[in-house]
Amino acid sequence: MPTERTPERTMAIDSKVVAQVAHLARLKVDPQDSDALSNRLNDILAMVDQLQQADVDGVAPLAHPLDVTQPLREDVVTEPNIRDKALEIAPAAEDGCFLVPRVIE
């Protein structure tokens, strides 16, 4: 049974709200640009309201808009183990591990 959507009231953004948000975000907004910015933000909110009216009942959520998969290679070792050779030329090694100077005291 489809649910009925009720239109929600949107708060209109005016120059005062733009100034408050700019202050909180530590942004400098010229008072001359404040009216244009509030108009643009109101247009964005109107678009969001329009999207809210879309009937999405029965639509499954998507992780990606295209039905694609990532091709993966087989997980096999392709490099030879050279640990023993590297330990032979290391300045200091003990029990199969490299010894390094202590950094944190």
C-alpha atoms as a PDB file:
ATOM      1  CA  MET A   1       0.000   0.000   0.000  1.00  0.00           C
ATOM      2  CA  PRO A   2       1.650   3.265  -1.063  1.00  0.00           C
ATOM      3  CA  THR A   3       2.198   5.746   1.687  1.00  0.00           C
ATOM      4  CA  GLU A   4       0.942   9.253   1.265  1.00  0.00           C
ATOM      5  CA  ARG A   5       3.598  11.908   1.411  1.00  0.00           C
ATOM      6  CA  THR A   6       2.763  15.169   3.040  1.00  0.00           C
ATOM      7  CA  PRO A   7       4.554  18.254   1.806  1.00  0.00           C
ATOM      8  CA  GLU A   8       6.846  19.583   4.469  1.00  0.00           C
ATOM      9  CA  ARG A   9       7.328  23.242   5.094  1.00  0.00           C
ATOM     10  CA  THR A  10      10.745  24.467   4.157  1.00  0.00           C
ATOM     11  CA  MET A  11      12.492  27.164   6.054  1.00  0.00           C
ATOM     12  CA  ALA A  12      13.338  30.080   3.808  1.00  0.00           C
ATOM     13  CA  ILE A  13      16.952  31.123   4.024  1.00  0.00           C
ATOM     14  CA  ASP A  14      17.435  34.862   4.226  1.00  0.00           C
ATOM     15  CA  SER A  15      20.511  37.077   4.510  1.00  0.00           C
ATOM     16  CA  LYS A  16      20.439  36.844   8.303  1.00  0.00           C
ATOM     17  CA  VAL A  17      20.632  33.040   8.235  1.00  0.00           C
ATOM     18  CA  VAL A  18      23.432  33.192   5.649  1.00  0.00           C
ATOM     19  CA  ALA A  19      25.382  35.541   7.931  1.00  0.00           C
ATOM     20  CA  GLN A  20      24.869  33.264  10.966  1.00  0.00           C
ATOM     21  CA  VAL A  21      25.981  30.140   9.119  1.00  0.00           C
ATOM     22  CA  ALA A  22      28.951  31.959   7.603  1.00  0.00           C
ATOM     23  CA  HIS A  23      29.992  33.071  11.085  1.00  0.00           C
ATOM     24  CA  LEU A  24      29.722  29.513  12.451  1.00  0.00           C
ATOM     25  CA  ALA A  25      31.678  28.140   9.489  1.00  0.00           C
ATOM     26  CA  ARG A  26      34.272  30.902   9.813  1.00  0.00           C
ATOM     27  CA  LEU A  27      33.576  32.067   6.252  1.00  0.00           C
ATOM     28  CA  LYS A  28      33.656  35.625   5.038  1.00  0.00           C
ATOM     29  CA  VAL A  29      30.562  36.487   3.001  1.00  0.00           C
ATOM     30  CA  ASP A  30      30.205  39.996   1.614  1.00  0.00           C
ATOM     31  CA  PRO A  31      26.850  41.555   2.502  1.00  0.00           C
ATOM     32  CA  GLN A  32      26.390  42.369  -1.202  1.00  0.00           C
ATOM     33  CA  ASP A  33      26.624  38.666  -2.073  1.00  0.00           C
ATOM     34  CA  SER A  34      24.397  37.553   0.787  1.00  0.00           C
ATOM     35  CA  ASP A  35      21.105  38.048  -1.079  1.00  0.00           C
ATOM     36  CA  ALA A  36      22.308  36.143  -4.149  1.00  0.00           C
ATOM     37  CA  LEU A  37      23.646  33.359  -1.945  1.00  0.00           C
ATOM     38  CA  SER A  38      20.377  33.056  -0.018  1.00  0.00           C
ATOM     39  CA  ASN A  39      18.469  32.869  -3.327  1.00  0.00           C
ATOM     40  CA  ARG A  40      20.735  30.082  -4.565  1.00  0.00           C
ATOM     41  CA  LEU A  41      20.397  28.162  -1.299  1.00  0.00           C
ATOM     42  CA  ASN A  42      16.598  28.507  -1.447  1.00  0.00           C
ATOM     43  CA  ASP A  43      16.682  27.137  -5.010  1.00  0.00           C
ATOM     44  CA  ILE A  44      18.700  24.137  -3.778  1.00  0.00           C
ATOM     45  CA  LEU A  45      16.232  23.509  -0.956  1.00  0.00           C
ATOM     46  CA  ALA A  46      13.349  23.730  -3.438  1.00  0.00           C
ATOM     47  CA  MET A  47      15.074  21.071  -5.568  1.00  0.00           C
ATOM     48  CA  VAL A  48      15.500  18.856  -2.501  1.00  0.00           C
ATOM     49  CA  ASP A  49      11.800  19.297  -1.718  1.00  0.00           C
ATOM     50  CA  GLN A  50      10.987  18.272  -5.277  1.00  0.00           C
ATOM     51  CA  LEU A  51      13.144  15.143  -4.879  1.00  0.00           C
ATOM     52  CA  GLN A  52      11.367  14.337  -1.609  1.00  0.00           C
ATOM     53  CA  GLN A  53       8.098  14.072  -3.551  1.00  0.00           C
ATOM     54  CA  ALA A  54       9.413  11.254  -5.760  1.00  0.00           C
ATOM     55  CA  ASP A  55       7.668   7.918  -5.225  1.00  0.00           C
ATOM     56  CA  VAL A  56      10.416   5.456  -4.314  1.00  0.00           C
ATOM     57  CA  ASP A  57       8.249   2.711  -2.825  1.00  0.00           C
ATOM     58  CA  GLY A  58       9.455  -0.651  -4.042  1.00  0.00           C
ATOM     59  CA  VAL A  59      12.780   0.693  -5.296  1.00  0.00           C
ATOM     60  CA  ALA A  60      15.731  -1.207  -3.898  1.00  0.00           C
ATOM     61  CA  PRO A  61      18.685   0.869  -2.670  1.00  0.00           C
ATOM     62  CA  LEU A  62      21.786   0.777  -4.842  1.00  0.00           C
ATOM     63  CA  ALA A  63      25.452   0.746  -3.955  1.00  0.00           C
ATOM     64  CA  HIS A  64      26.326   1.745  -7.524  1.00  0.00           C
ATOM     65  CA  PRO A  65      24.111   2.956 -10.368  1.00  0.00           C
ATOM     66  CA  LEU A  66      25.631   0.470 -12.827  1.00  0.00           C
ATOM     67  CA  ASP A  67      25.476  -3.300 -12.522  1.00  0.00           C
ATOM     68  CA  VAL A  68      29.226  -3.915 -12.616  1.00  0.00           C
ATOM     69  CA  THR A  69      31.678  -6.087 -10.742  1.00  0.00           C
ATOM     70  CA  GLN A  70      35.371  -5.635 -10.113  1.00  0.00           C
ATOM     71  CA  PRO A  71      37.451  -8.282 -11.900  1.00  0.00           C
ATOM     72  CA  LEU A  72      39.827  -9.848  -9.402  1.00  0.00           C
ATOM     73  CA  ARG A  73      42.905 -11.936 -10.022  1.00  0.00           C
ATOM     74  CA  GLU A  74      43.674 -15.161  -8.233  1.00  0.00           C
ATOM     75  CA  ASP A  75      45.353 -14.716  -4.866  1.00  0.00           C
ATOM     76  CA  VAL A  76      48.591 -16.566  -5.516  1.00  0.00           C
ATOM     77  CA  VAL A  77      52.171 -15.831  -4.502  1.00  0.00           C
ATOM     78  CA  THR A  78      54.141 -14.562  -7.489  1.00  0.00           C
ATOM     79  CA  GLU A  79      57.311 -13.302  -5.798  1.00  0.00           C
ATOM     80  CA  PRO A  80      59.947 -15.617  -4.303  1.00  0.00           C
ATOM     81  CA  ASN A  81      60.650 -15.451  -0.561  1.00  0.00           C
ATOM     82  CA  ILE A  82      63.954 -13.573  -0.176  1.00  0.00           C
ATOM     83  CA  ARG A  83      63.823 -13.060   3.581  1.00  0.00           C
ATOM     84  CA  ASP A  84      66.845 -15.265   4.281  1.00  0.00           C
ATOM     85  CA  LYS A  85      68.976 -13.435   1.688  1.00  0.00           C
ATOM     86  CA  ALA A  86      67.881 -10.046   3.060  1.00  0.00           C
ATOM     87  CA  LEU A  87      68.661 -11.105   6.648  1.00  0.00           C
ATOM     88  CA  GLU A  88      72.191 -12.115   5.598  1.00  0.00           C
ATOM     89  CA  ILE A  89      73.028  -8.570   4.501  1.00  0.00           C
ATOM     90  CA  ALA A  90      71.113  -6.796   7.291  1.00  0.00           C
ATOM     91  CA  PRO A  91      73.214  -4.803   9.785  1.00  0.00           C
ATOM     92  CA  ALA A  92      71.558  -6.668  12.675  1.00  0.00           C
ATOM     93  CA  ALA A  93      69.186  -9.642  12.766  1.00  0.00           C
ATOM     94  CA  GLU A  94      68.003 -12.115  15.377  1.00  0.00           C
ATOM     95  CA  ASP A  95      65.619 -15.096  15.203  1.00  0.00           C
ATOM     96  CA  GLY A  96      64.561 -14.283  11.629  1.00  0.00           C
ATOM     97  CA  CYS A  97      63.773 -10.614  12.391  1.00  0.00           C
ATOM     98  CA  PHE A  98      65.534  -7.369  11.535  1.00  0.00           C
ATOM     99  CA  LEU A  99      66.871  -5.508  14.562  1.00  0.00           C
ATOM    100  CA  VAL A 100      66.464  -1.727  14.441  1.00  0.00           C
ATOM    101  CA  PRO A 101      67.386   0.999  16.913  1.00  0.00           C
ATOM    102  CA  ARG A 102      64.758   1.865  19.510  1.00  0.00           C
ATOM    103  CA  VAL A 103      62.836   4.986  18.485  1.00  0.00           C
ATOM    104  CA  ILE A 104      60.510   5.449  21.471  1.00  0.00           C
ATOM    105  CA  GLU A 105      61.942   5.411  24.962  1.00  0.00           C
END
